[in-house]
Amino acid sequence: MRVEKRVLNDALRVLGRVVCQTSPVELYQSVRFVGNENGIRAMATDGVETVSVILDAFTETEIDF
């Protein structure tokens, strides 16, 4: 996966507003990256709403982490 530092920083700034740092549920404390050769999406949730950002990045294989 190749993501420019500026692109990742912008995405994490947006997603960081949704991530709940005090929740005991791991899903609510993390950012998920999903992608294939067509593009990469980063997602975060607080249990109520989910935010998804499409990154200007690429990967040669499918990813989900």
C-alpha atoms as a PDB file:
ATOM      1  CA  MET A   1       0.000   0.000   0.000  1.00  0.00           C
ATOM      2  CA  ARG A   2       1.379   3.388  -0.967  1.00  0.00           C
ATOM      3  CA  VAL A   3      -0.157   6.497   0.565  1.00  0.00           C
ATOM      4  CA  GLU A   4       1.390   9.945   0.553  1.00  0.00           C
ATOM      5  CA  LYS A   5       1.993  11.337   4.022  1.00  0.00           C
ATOM      6  CA  ARG A   6      -0.219  14.381   3.336  1.00  0.00           C
ATOM      7  CA  VAL A   7      -3.121  12.212   2.135  1.00  0.00           C
ATOM      8  CA  LEU A   8      -2.892   9.926   5.176  1.00  0.00           C
ATOM      9  CA  ASN A   9      -2.640  12.891   7.537  1.00  0.00           C
ATOM     10  CA  ASP A  10      -5.760  14.509   6.045  1.00  0.00           C
ATOM     11  CA  ALA A  11      -7.731  11.251   6.250  1.00  0.00           C
ATOM     12  CA  LEU A  12      -6.720  10.578   9.850  1.00  0.00           C
ATOM     13  CA  ARG A  13      -7.657  14.114  10.857  1.00  0.00           C
ATOM     14  CA  VAL A  14     -11.201  13.567   9.527  1.00  0.00           C
ATOM     15  CA  LEU A  15     -11.553  10.029  10.904  1.00  0.00           C
ATOM     16  CA  GLY A  16     -10.051  10.989  14.256  1.00  0.00           C
ATOM     17  CA  ARG A  17     -13.148  13.067  15.003  1.00  0.00           C
ATOM     18  CA  VAL A  18     -15.266   9.905  14.873  1.00  0.00           C
ATOM     19  CA  VAL A  19     -12.998   7.471  16.732  1.00  0.00           C
ATOM     20  CA  CYS A  20     -13.896   7.135  20.410  1.00  0.00           C
ATOM     21  CA  GLN A  21     -10.676   6.912  22.411  1.00  0.00           C
ATOM     22  CA  THR A  22     -12.439   6.031  25.676  1.00  0.00           C
ATOM     23  CA  SER A  23     -14.546   3.107  24.451  1.00  0.00           C
ATOM     24  CA  PRO A  24     -13.617  -0.403  25.626  1.00  0.00           C
ATOM     25  CA  VAL A  25     -14.806  -1.748  22.241  1.00  0.00           C
ATOM     26  CA  GLU A  26     -11.804  -2.102  19.903  1.00  0.00           C
ATOM     27  CA  LEU A  27     -13.915  -1.431  16.797  1.00  0.00           C
ATOM     28  CA  TYR A  28     -14.745   2.063  18.061  1.00  0.00           C
ATOM     29  CA  GLN A  29     -11.060   2.879  18.712  1.00  0.00           C
ATOM     30  CA  SER A  30      -9.634   2.026  15.300  1.00  0.00           C
ATOM     31  CA  VAL A  31      -9.472   2.962  11.636  1.00  0.00           C
ATOM     32  CA  ARG A  32     -10.092   0.247   9.041  1.00  0.00           C
ATOM     33  CA  PHE A  33      -8.338   0.276   5.662  1.00  0.00           C
ATOM     34  CA  VAL A  34      -9.922  -1.699   2.809  1.00  0.00           C
ATOM     35  CA  GLY A  35      -8.703  -1.683  -0.742  1.00  0.00           C
ATOM     36  CA  ASN A  36      -7.706  -3.322  -3.971  1.00  0.00           C
ATOM     37  CA  GLU A  37      -6.052  -2.186  -7.205  1.00  0.00           C
ATOM     38  CA  ASN A  38      -8.978   0.211  -7.816  1.00  0.00           C
ATOM     39  CA  GLY A  39      -8.498   2.251  -4.629  1.00  0.00           C
ATOM     40  CA  ILE A  40      -8.313   2.358  -0.842  1.00  0.00           C
ATOM     41  CA  ARG A  41     -10.987   3.364   1.680  1.00  0.00           C
ATOM     42  CA  ALA A  42     -10.365   4.279   5.307  1.00  0.00           C
ATOM     43  CA  MET A  43     -13.299   3.981   7.726  1.00  0.00           C
ATOM     44  CA  ALA A  44     -14.022   4.733  11.372  1.00  0.00           C
ATOM     45  CA  THR A  45     -17.108   4.473  13.567  1.00  0.00           C
ATOM     46  CA  ASP A  46     -18.211   5.575  17.009  1.00  0.00           C
ATOM     47  CA  GLY A  47     -21.004   3.021  17.139  1.00  0.00           C
ATOM     48  CA  VAL A  48     -23.611   5.490  15.924  1.00  0.00           C
ATOM     49  CA  GLU A  49     -22.191   6.897  12.722  1.00  0.00           C
ATOM     50  CA  THR A  50     -19.574   5.649  10.272  1.00  0.00           C
ATOM     51  CA  VAL A  51     -17.299   7.866   8.220  1.00  0.00           C
ATOM     52  CA  SER A  52     -15.539   6.606   5.102  1.00  0.00           C
ATOM     53  CA  VAL A  53     -12.774   8.414   3.223  1.00  0.00           C
ATOM     54  CA  ILE A  54     -11.557   7.385  -0.242  1.00  0.00           C
ATOM     55  CA  LEU A  55      -7.790   7.829  -0.369  1.00  0.00           C
ATOM     56  CA  ASP A  56      -5.723   8.946  -3.318  1.00  0.00           C
ATOM     57  CA  ALA A  57      -3.512   5.858  -2.967  1.00  0.00           C
ATOM     58  CA  PHE A  58      -2.994   2.412  -4.424  1.00  0.00           C
ATOM     59  CA  THR A  59      -2.151  -1.143  -3.518  1.00  0.00           C
ATOM     60  CA  GLU A  60      -1.119  -4.087  -5.664  1.00  0.00           C
ATOM     61  CA  THR A  61      -3.082  -6.637  -3.614  1.00  0.00           C
ATOM     62  CA  GLU A  62      -6.334  -6.659  -1.653  1.00  0.00           C
ATOM     63  CA  ILE A  63      -6.002  -5.283   1.869  1.00  0.00           C
ATOM     64  CA  ASP A  64      -8.294  -5.263   4.885  1.00  0.00           C
ATOM     65  CA  PHE A  65      -6.776  -4.150   8.176  1.00  0.00           C
END
